[in-house]
Amino acid sequence: MADASPRKLLMGRIGAAHGIKGEVRITSFTEEPLGLKDYGPLATNKPGLVIEIESARATTNVLVARLKGITDRTAAEKLNGVELYVDRDRLPPTSGDDDFYHADLIGLEARLVDGSVLGTVTAIPNFGASDLLEVRDGRSGDTFLYPFTRQVVPEVHVAEGYLVIEVPLDSDPGQEEPD
């Protein structure tokens, strides 16, 4: 039987306490960091714990937020590392074929231009330089990383369940190596 629960998307992570009145630092993974508070109650990676942001302000690299029911530093410190999730269906709809959420790509079949299957998209990591597609080969179990650029991923067909990858070549085989 298929899982009927909606897909949860990681929207932020609570960090250290801020001050003595229960505020916390939150790293927001939303396009507009302050938009995190507009999603209402957020599910967490702690069973039974739901977080509601009462107020938030943006700083240079994090949100500083007051959470419902958290009134002192001790309570705030216990939340360090808690991940904040929202159901995928609570996100605004996308506006076209070239507009999608990274989460929509997880599970898509990765194909070459000729239609042969490379594997399945399992993650979209970003190690600081740019987004990558992690593709797992269903036969061997090996994983491969591809730059998530228009040149390498020229087509994304979310509704049809696949995307196309043009595997970049390390070097042009027609060129000779310099002496």
C-alpha atoms as a PDB file:
ATOM      1  CA  MET A   1       0.000   0.000   0.000  1.00  0.00           C
ATOM      2  CA  ALA A   2       1.332   3.444  -0.927  1.00  0.00           C
ATOM      3  CA  ASP A   3       2.165   5.924   1.790  1.00  0.00           C
ATOM      4  CA  ALA A   4      -0.812   8.283   2.019  1.00  0.00           C
ATOM      5  CA  SER A   5       0.937  10.842   4.197  1.00  0.00           C
ATOM      6  CA  PRO A   6       1.958  14.077   2.516  1.00  0.00           C
ATOM      7  CA  ARG A   7       5.621  14.634   1.799  1.00  0.00           C
ATOM      8  CA  LYS A   8       7.316  16.768   4.432  1.00  0.00           C
ATOM      9  CA  LEU A   9       9.893  19.302   3.328  1.00  0.00           C
ATOM     10  CA  LEU A  10      12.705  20.610   5.504  1.00  0.00           C
ATOM     11  CA  MET A  11      12.145  24.361   5.842  1.00  0.00           C
ATOM     12  CA  GLY A  12      14.556  25.295   8.625  1.00  0.00           C
ATOM     13  CA  ARG A  13      16.654  24.196  11.562  1.00  0.00           C
ATOM     14  CA  ILE A  14      16.654  25.662  15.062  1.00  0.00           C
ATOM     15  CA  GLY A  15      20.080  26.606  16.345  1.00  0.00           C
ATOM     16  CA  ALA A  16      21.312  28.085  19.581  1.00  0.00           C
ATOM     17  CA  ALA A  17      19.248  30.044  22.061  1.00  0.00           C
ATOM     18  CA  HIS A  18      19.365  33.837  21.669  1.00  0.00           C
ATOM     19  CA  GLY A  19      19.291  35.856  24.856  1.00  0.00           C
ATOM     20  CA  ILE A  20      17.552  34.909  28.113  1.00  0.00           C
ATOM     21  CA  LYS A  21      13.878  35.270  27.161  1.00  0.00           C
ATOM     22  CA  GLY A  22      13.505  32.111  25.074  1.00  0.00           C
ATOM     23  CA  GLU A  23      14.301  33.324  21.575  1.00  0.00           C
ATOM     24  CA  VAL A  24      16.117  30.970  19.211  1.00  0.00           C
ATOM     25  CA  ARG A  25      18.202  31.287  16.071  1.00  0.00           C
ATOM     26  CA  ILE A  26      16.715  29.540  13.052  1.00  0.00           C
ATOM     27  CA  THR A  27      18.459  28.790   9.782  1.00  0.00           C
ATOM     28  CA  SER A  28      15.705  29.164   7.185  1.00  0.00           C
ATOM     29  CA  PHE A  29      15.838  27.203   3.938  1.00  0.00           C
ATOM     30  CA  THR A  30      13.095  29.278   2.295  1.00  0.00           C
ATOM     31  CA  GLU A  31      13.708  31.729  -0.536  1.00  0.00           C
ATOM     32  CA  GLU A  32      12.567  34.582   1.713  1.00  0.00           C
ATOM     33  CA  PRO A  33      13.813  33.692   5.227  1.00  0.00           C
ATOM     34  CA  LEU A  34      11.075  35.640   7.061  1.00  0.00           C
ATOM     35  CA  GLY A  35       8.486  33.713   5.046  1.00  0.00           C
ATOM     36  CA  LEU A  36       9.079  30.729   7.331  1.00  0.00           C
ATOM     37  CA  LYS A  37       6.782  32.244   9.970  1.00  0.00           C
ATOM     38  CA  ASP A  38       3.900  32.422   7.460  1.00  0.00           C
ATOM     39  CA  TYR A  39       3.552  28.633   7.215  1.00  0.00           C
ATOM     40  CA  GLY A  40       1.856  28.395  10.599  1.00  0.00           C
ATOM     41  CA  PRO A  41       2.546  25.408  12.845  1.00  0.00           C
ATOM     42  CA  LEU A  42       5.591  23.465  11.688  1.00  0.00           C
ATOM     43  CA  ALA A  43       6.130  19.754  12.170  1.00  0.00           C
ATOM     44  CA  THR A  44       9.501  18.699  13.581  1.00  0.00           C
ATOM     45  CA  ASN A  45      11.808  15.716  13.651  1.00  0.00           C
ATOM     46  CA  LYS A  46      10.844  15.205  17.327  1.00  0.00           C
ATOM     47  CA  PRO A  47       7.730  13.000  17.613  1.00  0.00           C
ATOM     48  CA  GLY A  48       4.757  14.984  18.886  1.00  0.00           C
ATOM     49  CA  LEU A  49       6.535  18.352  18.844  1.00  0.00           C
ATOM     50  CA  VAL A  50       4.969  21.102  16.730  1.00  0.00           C
ATOM     51  CA  ILE A  51       6.563  24.550  16.585  1.00  0.00           C
ATOM     52  CA  GLU A  52       4.735  27.808  15.998  1.00  0.00           C
ATOM     53  CA  ILE A  53       6.692  30.989  15.341  1.00  0.00           C
ATOM     54  CA  GLU A  54       5.074  33.941  17.133  1.00  0.00           C
ATOM     55  CA  SER A  55       7.486  36.555  15.785  1.00  0.00           C
ATOM     56  CA  ALA A  56      10.753  36.677  13.895  1.00  0.00           C
ATOM     57  CA  ARG A  57      13.308  39.136  12.682  1.00  0.00           C
ATOM     58  CA  ALA A  58      16.060  38.635  10.152  1.00  0.00           C
ATOM     59  CA  THR A  59      19.705  39.091  11.049  1.00  0.00           C
ATOM     60  CA  THR A  60      22.687  38.774   8.742  1.00  0.00           C
ATOM     61  CA  ASN A  61      22.474  34.996   8.341  1.00  0.00           C
ATOM     62  CA  VAL A  62      19.660  33.603  10.539  1.00  0.00           C
ATOM     63  CA  LEU A  63      16.221  34.401  11.881  1.00  0.00           C
ATOM     64  CA  VAL A  64      15.857  35.256  15.535  1.00  0.00           C
ATOM     65  CA  ALA A  65      12.439  33.957  16.551  1.00  0.00           C
ATOM     66  CA  ARG A  66      10.125  33.811  19.513  1.00  0.00           C
ATOM     67  CA  LEU A  67       8.300  30.479  19.619  1.00  0.00           C
ATOM     68  CA  LYS A  68       4.902  29.843  21.142  1.00  0.00           C
ATOM     69  CA  GLY A  69       5.277  28.357  24.628  1.00  0.00           C
ATOM     70  CA  ILE A  70       9.030  28.981  24.907  1.00  0.00           C
ATOM     71  CA  THR A  71       9.685  31.691  27.495  1.00  0.00           C
ATOM     72  CA  ASP A  72      13.176  31.120  28.855  1.00  0.00           C
ATOM     73  CA  ARG A  73      16.674  30.237  27.715  1.00  0.00           C
ATOM     74  CA  THR A  74      16.599  26.733  29.231  1.00  0.00           C
ATOM     75  CA  ALA A  75      13.569  25.753  27.130  1.00  0.00           C
ATOM     76  CA  ALA A  76      15.096  27.381  24.042  1.00  0.00           C
ATOM     77  CA  GLU A  77      18.365  25.470  24.482  1.00  0.00           C
ATOM     78  CA  LYS A  78      16.483  22.147  24.417  1.00  0.00           C
ATOM     79  CA  LEU A  79      15.348  22.918  20.862  1.00  0.00           C
ATOM     80  CA  ASN A  80      18.859  23.246  19.415  1.00  0.00           C
ATOM     81  CA  GLY A  81      19.069  21.071  16.283  1.00  0.00           C
ATOM     82  CA  VAL A  82      15.315  20.568  15.873  1.00  0.00           C
ATOM     83  CA  GLU A  83      14.358  20.491  12.189  1.00  0.00           C
ATOM     84  CA  LEU A  84      11.232  22.286  10.955  1.00  0.00           C
ATOM     85  CA  TYR A  85       9.029  20.726   8.279  1.00  0.00           C
ATOM     86  CA  VAL A  86       5.957  21.648   6.267  1.00  0.00           C
ATOM     87  CA  ASP A  87       3.720  19.454   4.118  1.00  0.00           C
ATOM     88  CA  ARG A  88       4.533  19.835   0.403  1.00  0.00           C
ATOM     89  CA  ASP A  89       0.905  20.659  -0.385  1.00  0.00           C
ATOM     90  CA  ARG A  90       1.099  23.787   1.823  1.00  0.00           C
ATOM     91  CA  LEU A  91       3.650  25.397  -0.504  1.00  0.00           C
ATOM     92  CA  PRO A  92       2.425  27.811  -3.181  1.00  0.00           C
ATOM     93  CA  PRO A  93       1.765  26.172  -6.552  1.00  0.00           C
ATOM     94  CA  THR A  94       4.445  26.429  -9.214  1.00  0.00           C
ATOM     95  CA  SER A  95       3.761  28.655 -12.201  1.00  0.00           C
ATOM     96  CA  GLY A  96       5.020  26.690 -15.181  1.00  0.00           C
ATOM     97  CA  ASP A  97       7.077  23.892 -16.682  1.00  0.00           C
ATOM     98  CA  ASP A  98      10.389  25.472 -15.659  1.00  0.00           C
ATOM     99  CA  ASP A  99       9.160  26.220 -12.132  1.00  0.00           C
ATOM    100  CA  PHE A 100       9.398  23.476  -9.519  1.00  0.00           C
ATOM    101  CA  TYR A 101      10.626  22.786  -6.025  1.00  0.00           C
ATOM    102  CA  HIS A 102      13.767  20.735  -5.505  1.00  0.00           C
ATOM    103  CA  ALA A 103      11.637  18.275  -3.548  1.00  0.00           C
ATOM    104  CA  ASP A 104       9.612  17.655  -6.719  1.00  0.00           C
ATOM    105  CA  LEU A 105      12.739  16.227  -8.372  1.00  0.00           C
ATOM    106  CA  ILE A 106      13.387  13.556  -5.754  1.00  0.00           C
ATOM    107  CA  GLY A 107      12.255  10.235  -7.186  1.00  0.00           C
ATOM    108  CA  LEU A 108      12.303  11.352 -10.832  1.00  0.00           C
ATOM    109  CA  GLU A 109      13.885   9.002 -13.327  1.00  0.00           C
ATOM    110  CA  ALA A 110      17.147  10.384 -14.772  1.00  0.00           C
ATOM    111  CA  ARG A 111      17.520   9.645 -18.478  1.00  0.00           C
ATOM    112  CA  LEU A 112      20.154  10.338 -21.084  1.00  0.00           C
ATOM    113  CA  VAL A 113      19.190  12.265 -24.225  1.00  0.00           C
ATOM    114  CA  ASP A 114      18.704   8.953 -26.091  1.00  0.00           C
ATOM    115  CA  GLY A 115      16.130   7.869 -23.479  1.00  0.00           C
ATOM    116  CA  SER A 116      18.267   5.280 -21.687  1.00  0.00           C
ATOM    117  CA  VAL A 117      17.841   5.322 -17.921  1.00  0.00           C
ATOM    118  CA  LEU A 118      20.726   6.408 -15.683  1.00  0.00           C
ATOM    119  CA  GLY A 119      18.862   5.908 -12.423  1.00  0.00           C
ATOM    120  CA  THR A 120      16.703   7.844  -9.970  1.00  0.00           C
ATOM    121  CA  VAL A 121      17.237  11.275  -8.427  1.00  0.00           C
ATOM    122  CA  THR A 122      17.751  10.686  -4.698  1.00  0.00           C
ATOM    123  CA  ALA A 123      18.938  14.080  -3.429  1.00  0.00           C
ATOM    124  CA  ILE A 124      19.936  17.608  -4.410  1.00  0.00           C
ATOM    125  CA  PRO A 125      22.942  18.465  -2.264  1.00  0.00           C
ATOM    126  CA  ASN A 126      24.724  21.784  -2.309  1.00  0.00           C
ATOM    127  CA  PHE A 127      28.217  21.790  -0.858  1.00  0.00           C
ATOM    128  CA  GLY A 128      28.657  25.530  -1.309  1.00  0.00           C
ATOM    129  CA  ALA A 129      29.371  26.032  -5.005  1.00  0.00           C
ATOM    130  CA  SER A 130      26.029  25.098  -6.597  1.00  0.00           C
ATOM    131  CA  ASP A 131      23.261  22.512  -6.564  1.00  0.00           C
ATOM    132  CA  LEU A 132      24.043  18.971  -7.658  1.00  0.00           C
ATOM    133  CA  LEU A 133      21.761  16.105  -8.645  1.00  0.00           C
ATOM    134  CA  GLU A 134      22.498  12.836  -6.887  1.00  0.00           C
ATOM    135  CA  VAL A 135      21.425   9.954  -9.098  1.00  0.00           C
ATOM    136  CA  ARG A 136      21.405   6.335  -7.896  1.00  0.00           C
ATOM    137  CA  ASP A 137      21.823   3.618 -10.496  1.00  0.00           C
ATOM    138  CA  GLY A 138      19.080   1.067  -9.807  1.00  0.00           C
ATOM    139  CA  ARG A 139      21.161  -1.875 -11.050  1.00  0.00           C
ATOM    140  CA  SER A 140      24.523  -1.308  -9.378  1.00  0.00           C
ATOM    141  CA  GLY A 141      23.411   0.895  -6.483  1.00  0.00           C
ATOM    142  CA  ASP A 142      26.201   3.368  -7.299  1.00  0.00           C
ATOM    143  CA  THR A 143      25.470   7.060  -6.935  1.00  0.00           C
ATOM    144  CA  PHE A 144      26.648   9.807  -9.236  1.00  0.00           C
ATOM    145  CA  LEU A 145      26.627  13.595  -8.858  1.00  0.00           C
ATOM    146  CA  TYR A 146      25.821  15.905 -11.774  1.00  0.00           C
ATOM    147  CA  PRO A 147      25.872  19.712 -11.782  1.00  0.00           C
ATOM    148  CA  PHE A 148      22.287  20.967 -11.708  1.00  0.00           C
ATOM    149  CA  THR A 149      22.675  23.435 -14.561  1.00  0.00           C
ATOM    150  CA  ARG A 150      20.648  24.019 -17.722  1.00  0.00           C
ATOM    151  CA  GLN A 151      23.580  22.677 -19.776  1.00  0.00           C
ATOM    152  CA  VAL A 152      23.740  19.341 -17.914  1.00  0.00           C
ATOM    153  CA  VAL A 153      19.998  19.069 -17.140  1.00  0.00           C
ATOM    154  CA  PRO A 154      18.337  20.601 -20.215  1.00  0.00           C
ATOM    155  CA  GLU A 155      14.875  19.104 -19.598  1.00  0.00           C
ATOM    156  CA  VAL A 156      12.811  18.560 -16.461  1.00  0.00           C
ATOM    157  CA  HIS A 157       9.427  16.864 -16.836  1.00  0.00           C
ATOM    158  CA  VAL A 158       8.015  16.635 -13.312  1.00  0.00           C
ATOM    159  CA  ALA A 159       4.512  15.626 -14.402  1.00  0.00           C
ATOM    160  CA  GLU A 160       5.896  12.866 -16.633  1.00  0.00           C
ATOM    161  CA  GLY A 161       8.278  11.652 -13.915  1.00  0.00           C
ATOM    162  CA  TYR A 162      11.675  12.159 -15.533  1.00  0.00           C
ATOM    163  CA  LEU A 163      14.466  14.568 -16.344  1.00  0.00           C
ATOM    164  CA  VAL A 164      17.178  14.480 -18.989  1.00  0.00           C
ATOM    165  CA  ILE A 165      20.897  14.588 -18.223  1.00  0.00           C
ATOM    166  CA  GLU A 166      23.610  15.334 -20.754  1.00  0.00           C
ATOM    167  CA  VAL A 167      26.620  13.766 -19.099  1.00  0.00           C
ATOM    168  CA  PRO A 168      29.527  16.225 -19.210  1.00  0.00           C
ATOM    169  CA  LEU A 169      32.719  14.837 -20.678  1.00  0.00           C
ATOM    170  CA  ASP A 170      35.934  15.254 -18.692  1.00  0.00           C
ATOM    171  CA  SER A 171      37.844  16.200 -21.818  1.00  0.00           C
ATOM    172  CA  ASP A 172      37.296  16.352 -25.541  1.00  0.00           C
ATOM    173  CA  PRO A 173      38.574  13.020 -26.927  1.00  0.00           C
ATOM    174  CA  GLY A 174      39.449  14.733 -30.223  1.00  0.00           C
ATOM    175  CA  GLN A 175      41.988  17.015 -28.577  1.00  0.00           C
ATOM    176  CA  GLU A 176      45.529  15.944 -27.988  1.00  0.00           C
ATOM    177  CA  GLU A 177      47.116  16.468 -24.625  1.00  0.00           C
ATOM    178  CA  PRO A 178      49.844  19.143 -24.640  1.00  0.00           C
ATOM    179  CA  ASP A 179      53.434  17.885 -24.395  1.00  0.00           C
END
